[in-house]
Amino acid sequence: MRLVAKSREGMASAVTHLSLTAQVRQNDTQPELQKLMRLKDELGELSAADEARYRRLLRACEIEILKVH
């Protein structure tokens, strides 16, 4: 597990796959979160309700990953 500042997430690194953000993207335990991530990537933004749901699911997924590691 590697925590990375938001401002450095875009920088390529040999250990990028260890970042919390990358692990959340690879996690398939929450399909609704994956769907919202794809939608956000495609549209660039989400509706207010979807954004709130996205943030809740994202935090839950991050906590789940951190507990495992």
N, C-alpha and C. Protein backbone atom coordinates (compact mmCIF):
# COMPACT_ATOMS: atom_id res chain seq x y z
N MET A 1 0.84 -1.16 0.00
CA MET A 1 0.00 0.00 0.00
C MET A 1 0.89 1.23 0.00
N ARG A 2 0.50 2.18 -0.82
CA ARG A 2 1.26 3.42 -0.89
C ARG A 2 0.26 4.57 -0.98
N LEU A 3 0.33 5.50 -0.05
CA LEU A 3 -0.52 6.67 -0.09
C LEU A 3 0.20 7.75 -0.86
N VAL A 4 -0.53 8.40 -1.76
CA VAL A 4 0.06 9.41 -2.64
C VAL A 4 -0.80 10.66 -2.56
N ALA A 5 -0.16 11.81 -2.52
CA ALA A 5 -0.89 13.08 -2.53
C ALA A 5 -1.68 13.20 -3.82
N LYS A 6 -2.87 13.78 -3.76
CA LYS A 6 -3.71 13.96 -4.94
C LYS A 6 -2.95 14.64 -6.07
N SER A 7 -2.13 15.60 -5.74
CA SER A 7 -1.40 16.35 -6.76
C SER A 7 -0.35 15.50 -7.47
N ARG A 8 0.05 14.38 -6.89
CA ARG A 8 1.08 13.53 -7.48
C ARG A 8 0.52 12.27 -8.14
N GLU A 9 -0.79 12.08 -8.09
CA GLU A 9 -1.38 10.87 -8.64
C GLU A 9 -1.17 10.72 -10.14
N GLY A 10 -1.08 11.82 -10.85
CA GLY A 10 -0.92 11.78 -12.29
C GLY A 10 0.48 11.45 -12.76
N MET A 11 1.43 11.49 -11.87
CA MET A 11 2.83 11.25 -12.24
C MET A 11 3.09 9.74 -12.35
N ALA A 12 3.72 9.34 -13.42
CA ALA A 12 4.04 7.93 -13.62
C ALA A 12 5.13 7.49 -12.65
N SER A 13 5.01 6.25 -12.20
CA SER A 13 5.97 5.72 -11.25
C SER A 13 5.96 4.20 -11.36
N ALA A 14 7.04 3.59 -10.93
CA ALA A 14 7.11 2.13 -10.96
C ALA A 14 6.22 1.50 -9.90
N VAL A 15 5.77 2.31 -8.95
CA VAL A 15 4.93 1.78 -7.87
C VAL A 15 3.52 2.37 -7.89
N THR A 16 3.11 2.91 -9.01
CA THR A 16 1.78 3.50 -9.13
C THR A 16 0.68 2.51 -8.76
N HIS A 17 0.87 1.26 -9.13
CA HIS A 17 -0.15 0.24 -8.85
C HIS A 17 -0.35 0.01 -7.35
N LEU A 18 0.55 0.50 -6.53
CA LEU A 18 0.43 0.35 -5.07
C LEU A 18 -0.37 1.47 -4.42
N SER A 19 -0.67 2.51 -5.18
CA SER A 19 -1.38 3.64 -4.59
C SER A 19 -2.82 3.25 -4.26
N LEU A 20 -3.36 3.92 -3.25
CA LEU A 20 -4.73 3.64 -2.83
C LEU A 20 -5.71 3.90 -3.97
N THR A 21 -5.50 4.96 -4.72
CA THR A 21 -6.37 5.29 -5.84
C THR A 21 -6.38 4.18 -6.89
N ALA A 22 -5.21 3.67 -7.22
CA ALA A 22 -5.12 2.58 -8.22
C ALA A 22 -5.79 1.32 -7.70
N GLN A 23 -5.63 1.04 -6.43
CA GLN A 23 -6.24 -0.16 -5.86
C GLN A 23 -7.76 -0.04 -5.81
N VAL A 24 -8.26 1.16 -5.57
CA VAL A 24 -9.71 1.38 -5.60
C VAL A 24 -10.23 1.12 -7.01
N ARG A 25 -9.52 1.63 -8.01
CA ARG A 25 -9.95 1.43 -9.40
C ARG A 25 -9.95 -0.05 -9.79
N GLN A 26 -9.04 -0.83 -9.22
CA GLN A 26 -8.93 -2.25 -9.55
C GLN A 26 -9.87 -3.12 -8.72
N ASN A 27 -10.41 -2.57 -7.65
CA ASN A 27 -11.28 -3.32 -6.76
C ASN A 27 -12.62 -3.57 -7.44
N ASP A 28 -13.05 -4.80 -7.44
CA ASP A 28 -14.32 -5.14 -8.10
C ASP A 28 -15.40 -5.58 -7.11
N THR A 29 -15.22 -5.27 -5.83
CA THR A 29 -16.21 -5.69 -4.84
C THR A 29 -17.41 -4.76 -4.81
N GLN A 30 -17.30 -3.58 -5.39
CA GLN A 30 -18.41 -2.64 -5.43
C GLN A 30 -18.71 -2.23 -6.86
N PRO A 31 -19.53 -3.01 -7.55
CA PRO A 31 -19.81 -2.73 -8.97
C PRO A 31 -20.46 -1.37 -9.20
N GLU A 32 -21.25 -0.89 -8.25
CA GLU A 32 -21.87 0.43 -8.43
C GLU A 32 -20.81 1.52 -8.46
N LEU A 33 -19.78 1.38 -7.63
CA LEU A 33 -18.69 2.35 -7.63
C LEU A 33 -17.95 2.31 -8.97
N GLN A 34 -17.71 1.13 -9.48
CA GLN A 34 -17.03 1.01 -10.78
C GLN A 34 -17.85 1.66 -11.88
N LYS A 35 -19.17 1.49 -11.83
CA LYS A 35 -20.06 2.09 -12.82
C LYS A 35 -19.99 3.61 -12.73
N LEU A 36 -20.02 4.15 -11.52
CA LEU A 36 -19.95 5.60 -11.34
C LEU A 36 -18.59 6.15 -11.77
N MET A 37 -17.51 5.39 -11.54
CA MET A 37 -16.18 5.82 -12.00
C MET A 37 -16.13 5.91 -13.52
N ARG A 38 -16.67 4.89 -14.18
CA ARG A 38 -16.70 4.91 -15.65
C ARG A 38 -17.51 6.09 -16.16
N LEU A 39 -18.66 6.31 -15.53
CA LEU A 39 -19.53 7.42 -15.93
C LEU A 39 -18.83 8.76 -15.74
N LYS A 40 -18.14 8.91 -14.62
CA LYS A 40 -17.42 10.16 -14.34
C LYS A 40 -16.27 10.35 -15.34
N ASP A 41 -15.58 9.26 -15.68
CA ASP A 41 -14.50 9.34 -16.66
C ASP A 41 -15.03 9.75 -18.04
N GLU A 42 -16.19 9.19 -18.41
CA GLU A 42 -16.77 9.47 -19.73
C GLU A 42 -17.35 10.87 -19.83
N LEU A 43 -18.10 11.27 -18.80
CA LEU A 43 -18.79 12.56 -18.85
C LEU A 43 -18.00 13.71 -18.23
N GLY A 44 -17.04 13.37 -17.38
CA GLY A 44 -16.26 14.40 -16.72
C GLY A 44 -16.87 14.87 -15.41
N GLU A 45 -18.16 14.64 -15.22
CA GLU A 45 -18.82 15.02 -13.98
C GLU A 45 -20.06 14.16 -13.78
N LEU A 46 -20.58 14.20 -12.55
CA LEU A 46 -21.77 13.44 -12.21
C LEU A 46 -22.84 14.39 -11.70
N SER A 47 -24.07 13.93 -11.69
CA SER A 47 -25.13 14.73 -11.08
C SER A 47 -24.84 14.84 -9.59
N ALA A 48 -25.49 15.75 -8.92
CA ALA A 48 -25.25 15.96 -7.49
C ALA A 48 -25.53 14.69 -6.69
N ALA A 49 -26.61 14.01 -7.00
CA ALA A 49 -26.96 12.79 -6.29
C ALA A 49 -25.95 11.68 -6.56
N ASP A 50 -25.55 11.54 -7.82
CA ASP A 50 -24.56 10.52 -8.19
C ASP A 50 -23.21 10.85 -7.56
N GLU A 51 -22.86 12.12 -7.51
CA GLU A 51 -21.58 12.53 -6.90
C GLU A 51 -21.56 12.19 -5.41
N ALA A 52 -22.66 12.43 -4.73
CA ALA A 52 -22.74 12.10 -3.31
C ALA A 52 -22.61 10.59 -3.10
N ARG A 53 -23.30 9.83 -3.92
CA ARG A 53 -23.23 8.36 -3.83
C ARG A 53 -21.81 7.88 -4.15
N TYR A 54 -21.21 8.47 -5.17
CA TYR A 54 -19.84 8.14 -5.57
C TYR A 54 -18.87 8.36 -4.42
N ARG A 55 -18.97 9.51 -3.77
CA ARG A 55 -18.06 9.82 -2.67
C ARG A 55 -18.24 8.85 -1.50
N ARG A 56 -19.49 8.51 -1.17
CA ARG A 56 -19.73 7.55 -0.08
C ARG A 56 -19.14 6.19 -0.41
N LEU A 57 -19.38 5.73 -1.63
CA LEU A 57 -18.86 4.42 -2.04
C LEU A 57 -17.34 4.44 -2.11
N LEU A 58 -16.77 5.52 -2.59
CA LEU A 58 -15.32 5.64 -2.69
C LEU A 58 -14.68 5.56 -1.31
N ARG A 59 -15.20 6.31 -0.36
CA ARG A 59 -14.65 6.28 1.00
C ARG A 59 -14.79 4.89 1.62
N ALA A 60 -15.92 4.26 1.42
CA ALA A 60 -16.13 2.91 1.96
C ALA A 60 -15.13 1.93 1.36
N CYS A 61 -14.88 2.04 0.07
CA CYS A 61 -13.94 1.16 -0.61
C CYS A 61 -12.52 1.42 -0.11
N GLU A 62 -12.15 2.69 0.06
CA GLU A 62 -10.82 3.02 0.57
C GLU A 62 -10.62 2.45 1.98
N ILE A 63 -11.63 2.58 2.81
CA ILE A 63 -11.53 2.04 4.18
C ILE A 63 -11.41 0.53 4.15
N GLU A 64 -12.18 -0.11 3.29
CA GLU A 64 -12.11 -1.57 3.14
C GLU A 64 -10.70 -2.01 2.75
N ILE A 65 -10.10 -1.33 1.80
CA ILE A 65 -8.75 -1.67 1.34
C ILE A 65 -7.73 -1.43 2.44
N LEU A 66 -7.85 -0.31 3.13
CA LEU A 66 -6.91 0.00 4.20
C LEU A 66 -7.01 -0.99 5.36
N LYS A 67 -8.19 -1.49 5.64
CA LYS A 67 -8.35 -2.49 6.71
C LYS A 67 -7.67 -3.81 6.35
N VAL A 68 -7.73 -4.16 5.08
CA VAL A 68 -7.12 -5.42 4.63
C VAL A 68 -5.60 -5.33 4.69
N HIS A 69 -5.07 -4.16 4.37
CA HIS A 69 -3.61 -4.01 4.35
C HIS A 69 -3.17 -3.50 5.68
